[in-house]
């Protein structure tokens, strides 16, 4: 196996372990590393690592349980991963990008909740759906920023050059 394949495999396993650890330990709703990883993995390692992230997400969902919103959650992760390249030039832009990613996830996943019929198919139902999701959004923001700060710190401390990976 070549060096690049081994590196890809090692990073993919690391992505899975970090995501699984944050999803399997008891935590408040939506308090995981998912959105920070969705943003930083493609931003730092490149889009070629996005499949590893999605596979890790699918595997952890297999154990947690599949649900009717998978296309909305997995889809938002893909969108966040693809847009991350536009925010990677400096730390302020990356932190803004993670905020933007949280908003994308909030809008897409809760639109899926509304489409499921839980709040009725009306404008009032759509507004209620987004309103009722605000506490979950708070946890999403908090966890994403905490994990982002951790990733940024590790990046700064180790001074890794991800462009060679």
C-alpha atoms as a PDB file:
ATOM      1  CA  UNK A   1       0.000   0.000   0.000  1.00  0.00           C
ATOM      2  CA  UNK A   2       1.388   3.404  -0.905  1.00  0.00           C
ATOM      3  CA  UNK A   3       2.179   6.173   1.544  1.00  0.00           C
ATOM      4  CA  UNK A   4      -0.762   8.295   0.323  1.00  0.00           C
ATOM      5  CA  UNK A   5      -3.197   5.403   0.684  1.00  0.00           C
ATOM      6  CA  UNK A   6      -1.946   4.677   4.215  1.00  0.00           C
ATOM      7  CA  UNK A   7      -2.220   8.358   5.111  1.00  0.00           C
ATOM      8  CA  UNK A   8      -5.776   8.465   3.748  1.00  0.00           C
ATOM      9  CA  UNK A   9      -6.660   5.331   5.696  1.00  0.00           C
ATOM     10  CA  UNK A  10      -5.146   6.685   8.943  1.00  0.00           C
ATOM     11  CA  UNK A  11      -6.919  10.031   8.641  1.00  0.00           C
ATOM     12  CA  UNK A  12     -10.192   8.308   7.701  1.00  0.00           C
ATOM     13  CA  UNK A  13      -9.963   6.087  10.766  1.00  0.00           C
ATOM     14  CA  UNK A  14      -9.201   9.148  12.904  1.00  0.00           C
ATOM     15  CA  UNK A  15     -12.231  10.959  11.486  1.00  0.00           C
ATOM     16  CA  UNK A  16     -14.416   7.970  12.316  1.00  0.00           C
ATOM     17  CA  UNK A  17     -13.069   7.650  15.863  1.00  0.00           C
ATOM     18  CA  UNK A  18     -13.548  11.353  16.653  1.00  0.00           C
ATOM     19  CA  UNK A  19     -17.040  11.420  15.178  1.00  0.00           C
ATOM     20  CA  UNK A  20     -18.052   8.165  16.842  1.00  0.00           C
ATOM     21  CA  UNK A  21     -16.721   9.248  20.228  1.00  0.00           C
ATOM     22  CA  UNK A  22     -18.652  12.502  20.118  1.00  0.00           C
ATOM     23  CA  UNK A  23     -21.863  10.803  18.974  1.00  0.00           C
ATOM     24  CA  UNK A  24     -21.792   7.753  21.262  1.00  0.00           C
ATOM     25  CA  UNK A  25     -20.957   9.373  24.599  1.00  0.00           C
ATOM     26  CA  UNK A  26     -23.929  10.891  26.422  1.00  0.00           C
ATOM     27  CA  UNK A  27     -24.402  14.468  25.238  1.00  0.00           C
ATOM     28  CA  UNK A  28     -27.086  17.124  24.843  1.00  0.00           C
ATOM     29  CA  UNK A  29     -29.003  16.946  21.543  1.00  0.00           C
ATOM     30  CA  UNK A  30     -26.917  18.087  18.542  1.00  0.00           C
ATOM     31  CA  UNK A  31     -23.776  18.485  20.674  1.00  0.00           C
ATOM     32  CA  UNK A  32     -21.287  16.569  18.513  1.00  0.00           C
ATOM     33  CA  UNK A  33     -18.174  17.127  16.437  1.00  0.00           C
ATOM     34  CA  UNK A  34     -20.100  16.504  13.206  1.00  0.00           C
ATOM     35  CA  UNK A  35     -20.367  20.034  11.839  1.00  0.00           C
ATOM     36  CA  UNK A  36     -16.851  21.057  12.847  1.00  0.00           C
ATOM     37  CA  UNK A  37     -15.485  17.936  11.151  1.00  0.00           C
ATOM     38  CA  UNK A  38     -17.765  18.522   8.142  1.00  0.00           C
ATOM     39  CA  UNK A  39     -16.151  21.907   7.729  1.00  0.00           C
ATOM     40  CA  UNK A  40     -12.518  21.310   8.737  1.00  0.00           C
ATOM     41  CA  UNK A  41     -11.856  17.912   7.167  1.00  0.00           C
ATOM     42  CA  UNK A  42     -12.393  19.141   3.585  1.00  0.00           C
ATOM     43  CA  UNK A  43     -10.965  22.598   4.370  1.00  0.00           C
ATOM     44  CA  UNK A  44      -7.672  21.255   5.755  1.00  0.00           C
ATOM     45  CA  UNK A  45      -7.349  17.837   4.143  1.00  0.00           C
ATOM     46  CA  UNK A  46      -9.190  18.427   0.873  1.00  0.00           C
ATOM     47  CA  UNK A  47     -12.428  17.360  -0.700  1.00  0.00           C
ATOM     48  CA  UNK A  48     -11.000  13.854  -1.237  1.00  0.00           C
ATOM     49  CA  UNK A  49     -11.632  13.209   2.491  1.00  0.00           C
ATOM     50  CA  UNK A  50     -15.327  14.080   2.261  1.00  0.00           C
ATOM     51  CA  UNK A  51     -16.317  10.465   1.416  1.00  0.00           C
ATOM     52  CA  UNK A  52     -14.473   9.290   4.553  1.00  0.00           C
ATOM     53  CA  UNK A  53     -16.486  11.772   6.605  1.00  0.00           C
ATOM     54  CA  UNK A  54     -19.800  10.696   5.053  1.00  0.00           C
ATOM     55  CA  UNK A  55     -18.959   7.013   5.542  1.00  0.00           C
ATOM     56  CA  UNK A  56     -18.115   7.706   9.198  1.00  0.00           C
ATOM     57  CA  UNK A  57     -21.454   9.515   9.532  1.00  0.00           C
ATOM     58  CA  UNK A  58     -23.300   6.595   7.912  1.00  0.00           C
ATOM     59  CA  UNK A  59     -21.547   4.032  10.136  1.00  0.00           C
ATOM     60  CA  UNK A  60     -22.358   5.926  13.320  1.00  0.00           C
ATOM     61  CA  UNK A  61     -25.968   6.357  12.127  1.00  0.00           C
ATOM     62  CA  UNK A  62     -26.089   2.597  11.570  1.00  0.00           C
ATOM     63  CA  UNK A  63     -25.434   2.064  15.288  1.00  0.00           C
ATOM     64  CA  UNK A  64     -27.467   5.027  16.532  1.00  0.00           C
ATOM     65  CA  UNK A  65     -30.358   4.312  14.180  1.00  0.00           C
ATOM     66  CA  UNK A  66     -31.395   5.523  10.774  1.00  0.00           C
ATOM     67  CA  UNK A  67     -34.164   8.093  10.585  1.00  0.00           C
ATOM     68  CA  UNK A  68     -36.346   9.785   7.995  1.00  0.00           C
ATOM     69  CA  UNK A  69     -34.156  12.907   7.809  1.00  0.00           C
ATOM     70  CA  UNK A  70     -30.972  11.199   6.613  1.00  0.00           C
ATOM     71  CA  UNK A  71     -30.974  12.851   3.203  1.00  0.00           C
ATOM     72  CA  UNK A  72     -31.294  16.269   4.834  1.00  0.00           C
ATOM     73  CA  UNK A  73     -28.567  15.702   7.448  1.00  0.00           C
ATOM     74  CA  UNK A  74     -26.139  13.901   5.135  1.00  0.00           C
ATOM     75  CA  UNK A  75     -26.897  16.406   2.376  1.00  0.00           C
ATOM     76  CA  UNK A  76     -26.151  19.361   4.615  1.00  0.00           C
ATOM     77  CA  UNK A  77     -22.848  17.757   5.630  1.00  0.00           C
ATOM     78  CA  UNK A  78     -21.918  17.455   1.950  1.00  0.00           C
ATOM     79  CA  UNK A  79     -22.827  21.089   1.273  1.00  0.00           C
ATOM     80  CA  UNK A  80     -20.831  22.286   4.297  1.00  0.00           C
ATOM     81  CA  UNK A  81     -17.854  20.216   3.133  1.00  0.00           C
ATOM     82  CA  UNK A  82     -17.993  21.604  -0.387  1.00  0.00           C
ATOM     83  CA  UNK A  83     -18.256  25.250   0.678  1.00  0.00           C
ATOM     84  CA  UNK A  84     -15.469  24.994   3.266  1.00  0.00           C
ATOM     85  CA  UNK A  85     -12.836  25.657   0.596  1.00  0.00           C
ATOM     86  CA  UNK A  86     -14.124  29.240   0.315  1.00  0.00           C
ATOM     87  CA  UNK A  87     -13.426  29.929   3.999  1.00  0.00           C
ATOM     88  CA  UNK A  88     -10.035  28.335   4.628  1.00  0.00           C
ATOM     89  CA  UNK A  89      -7.670  31.283   4.123  1.00  0.00           C
ATOM     90  CA  UNK A  90      -7.523  32.487   7.767  1.00  0.00           C
ATOM     91  CA  UNK A  91      -8.886  31.645  11.209  1.00  0.00           C
ATOM     92  CA  UNK A  92     -11.533  34.409  11.258  1.00  0.00           C
ATOM     93  CA  UNK A  93     -12.911  33.299   7.929  1.00  0.00           C
ATOM     94  CA  UNK A  94     -12.867  29.641   9.017  1.00  0.00           C
ATOM     95  CA  UNK A  95     -14.788  30.428  12.210  1.00  0.00           C
ATOM     96  CA  UNK A  96     -17.284  32.421  10.147  1.00  0.00           C
ATOM     97  CA  UNK A  97     -17.488  29.427   7.804  1.00  0.00           C
ATOM     98  CA  UNK A  98     -18.342  27.118  10.695  1.00  0.00           C
ATOM     99  CA  UNK A  99     -21.113  29.539  11.741  1.00  0.00           C
ATOM    100  CA  UNK A 100     -22.367  29.521   8.157  1.00  0.00           C
ATOM    101  CA  UNK A 101     -22.229  25.711   8.215  1.00  0.00           C
ATOM    102  CA  UNK A 102     -24.325  25.632  11.386  1.00  0.00           C
ATOM    103  CA  UNK A 103     -26.919  27.856   9.721  1.00  0.00           C
ATOM    104  CA  UNK A 104     -26.960  25.612   6.636  1.00  0.00           C
ATOM    105  CA  UNK A 105     -27.460  22.526   8.812  1.00  0.00           C
ATOM    106  CA  UNK A 106     -30.211  24.259  10.825  1.00  0.00           C
ATOM    107  CA  UNK A 107     -32.083  25.407   7.720  1.00  0.00           C
ATOM    108  CA  UNK A 108     -31.813  22.153   5.768  1.00  0.00           C
ATOM    109  CA  UNK A 109     -32.395  19.661   8.579  1.00  0.00           C
ATOM    110  CA  UNK A 110     -35.362  21.559   9.993  1.00  0.00           C
ATOM    111  CA  UNK A 111     -36.847  21.984   6.544  1.00  0.00           C
ATOM    112  CA  UNK A 112     -36.768  18.174   6.437  1.00  0.00           C
ATOM    113  CA  UNK A 113     -38.551  18.049   9.795  1.00  0.00           C
ATOM    114  CA  UNK A 114     -41.222  20.388   8.428  1.00  0.00           C
ATOM    115  CA  UNK A 115     -41.582  18.268   5.262  1.00  0.00           C
ATOM    116  CA  UNK A 116     -42.218  15.231   7.465  1.00  0.00           C
ATOM    117  CA  UNK A 117     -45.514  16.850   8.442  1.00  0.00           C
ATOM    118  CA  UNK A 118     -44.791  17.216  12.140  1.00  0.00           C
ATOM    119  CA  UNK A 119     -45.820  20.870  12.140  1.00  0.00           C
ATOM    120  CA  UNK A 120     -48.390  20.866   9.358  1.00  0.00           C
ATOM    121  CA  UNK A 121     -47.883  22.007   5.805  1.00  0.00           C
ATOM    122  CA  UNK A 122     -48.357  25.727   6.226  1.00  0.00           C
ATOM    123  CA  UNK A 123     -46.221  28.817   6.620  1.00  0.00           C
ATOM    124  CA  UNK A 124     -47.139  28.915  10.323  1.00  0.00           C
ATOM    125  CA  UNK A 125     -46.050  25.269  10.636  1.00  0.00           C
ATOM    126  CA  UNK A 126     -42.732  26.074   8.954  1.00  0.00           C
ATOM    127  CA  UNK A 127     -42.149  29.021  11.289  1.00  0.00           C
ATOM    128  CA  UNK A 128     -43.102  26.878  14.309  1.00  0.00           C
ATOM    129  CA  UNK A 129     -40.705  24.170  13.174  1.00  0.00           C
ATOM    130  CA  UNK A 130     -37.774  26.576  12.981  1.00  0.00           C
ATOM    131  CA  UNK A 131     -38.786  28.261  16.243  1.00  0.00           C
ATOM    132  CA  UNK A 132     -38.980  24.962  18.147  1.00  0.00           C
ATOM    133  CA  UNK A 133     -35.528  24.007  16.851  1.00  0.00           C
ATOM    134  CA  UNK A 134     -33.780  27.054  18.335  1.00  0.00           C
ATOM    135  CA  UNK A 135     -32.626  25.227  21.524  1.00  0.00           C
ATOM    136  CA  UNK A 136     -31.065  22.493  19.369  1.00  0.00           C
ATOM    137  CA  UNK A 137     -29.393  25.192  17.274  1.00  0.00           C
ATOM    138  CA  UNK A 138     -27.809  26.595  20.444  1.00  0.00           C
ATOM    139  CA  UNK A 139     -26.220  23.210  21.176  1.00  0.00           C
ATOM    140  CA  UNK A 140     -25.123  22.939  17.547  1.00  0.00           C
ATOM    141  CA  UNK A 141     -23.426  26.340  17.696  1.00  0.00           C
ATOM    142  CA  UNK A 142     -21.755  25.667  21.034  1.00  0.00           C
ATOM    143  CA  UNK A 143     -20.400  22.236  20.077  1.00  0.00           C
ATOM    144  CA  UNK A 144     -19.280  23.360  16.633  1.00  0.00           C
ATOM    145  CA  UNK A 145     -17.365  26.326  18.022  1.00  0.00           C
ATOM    146  CA  UNK A 146     -15.794  24.268  20.821  1.00  0.00           C
ATOM    147  CA  UNK A 147     -14.667  21.561  18.397  1.00  0.00           C
ATOM    148  CA  UNK A 148     -13.533  24.239  15.920  1.00  0.00           C
ATOM    149  CA  UNK A 149     -11.392  25.900  18.568  1.00  0.00           C
ATOM    150  CA  UNK A 150      -9.932  22.493  19.438  1.00  0.00           C
ATOM    151  CA  UNK A 151      -9.148  21.783  15.770  1.00  0.00           C
ATOM    152  CA  UNK A 152      -7.702  25.265  15.239  1.00  0.00           C
ATOM    153  CA  UNK A 153      -5.549  24.856  18.363  1.00  0.00           C
ATOM    154  CA  UNK A 154      -4.236  21.478  17.247  1.00  0.00           C
ATOM    155  CA  UNK A 155      -3.518  22.925  13.816  1.00  0.00           C
ATOM    156  CA  UNK A 156      -1.593  25.829  15.367  1.00  0.00           C
ATOM    157  CA  UNK A 157       0.284  23.709  17.944  1.00  0.00           C
ATOM    158  CA  UNK A 158       1.350  21.007  15.497  1.00  0.00           C
ATOM    159  CA  UNK A 159       1.944  23.429  12.624  1.00  0.00           C
ATOM    160  CA  UNK A 160       0.898  20.738  10.175  1.00  0.00           C
ATOM    161  CA  UNK A 161       1.052  21.434   6.478  1.00  0.00           C
ATOM    162  CA  UNK A 162      -2.083  19.668   5.240  1.00  0.00           C
ATOM    163  CA  UNK A 163      -1.448  20.573   1.620  1.00  0.00           C
ATOM    164  CA  UNK A 164       1.117  17.740   1.457  1.00  0.00           C
ATOM    165  CA  UNK A 165      -1.281  15.100   2.791  1.00  0.00           C
END
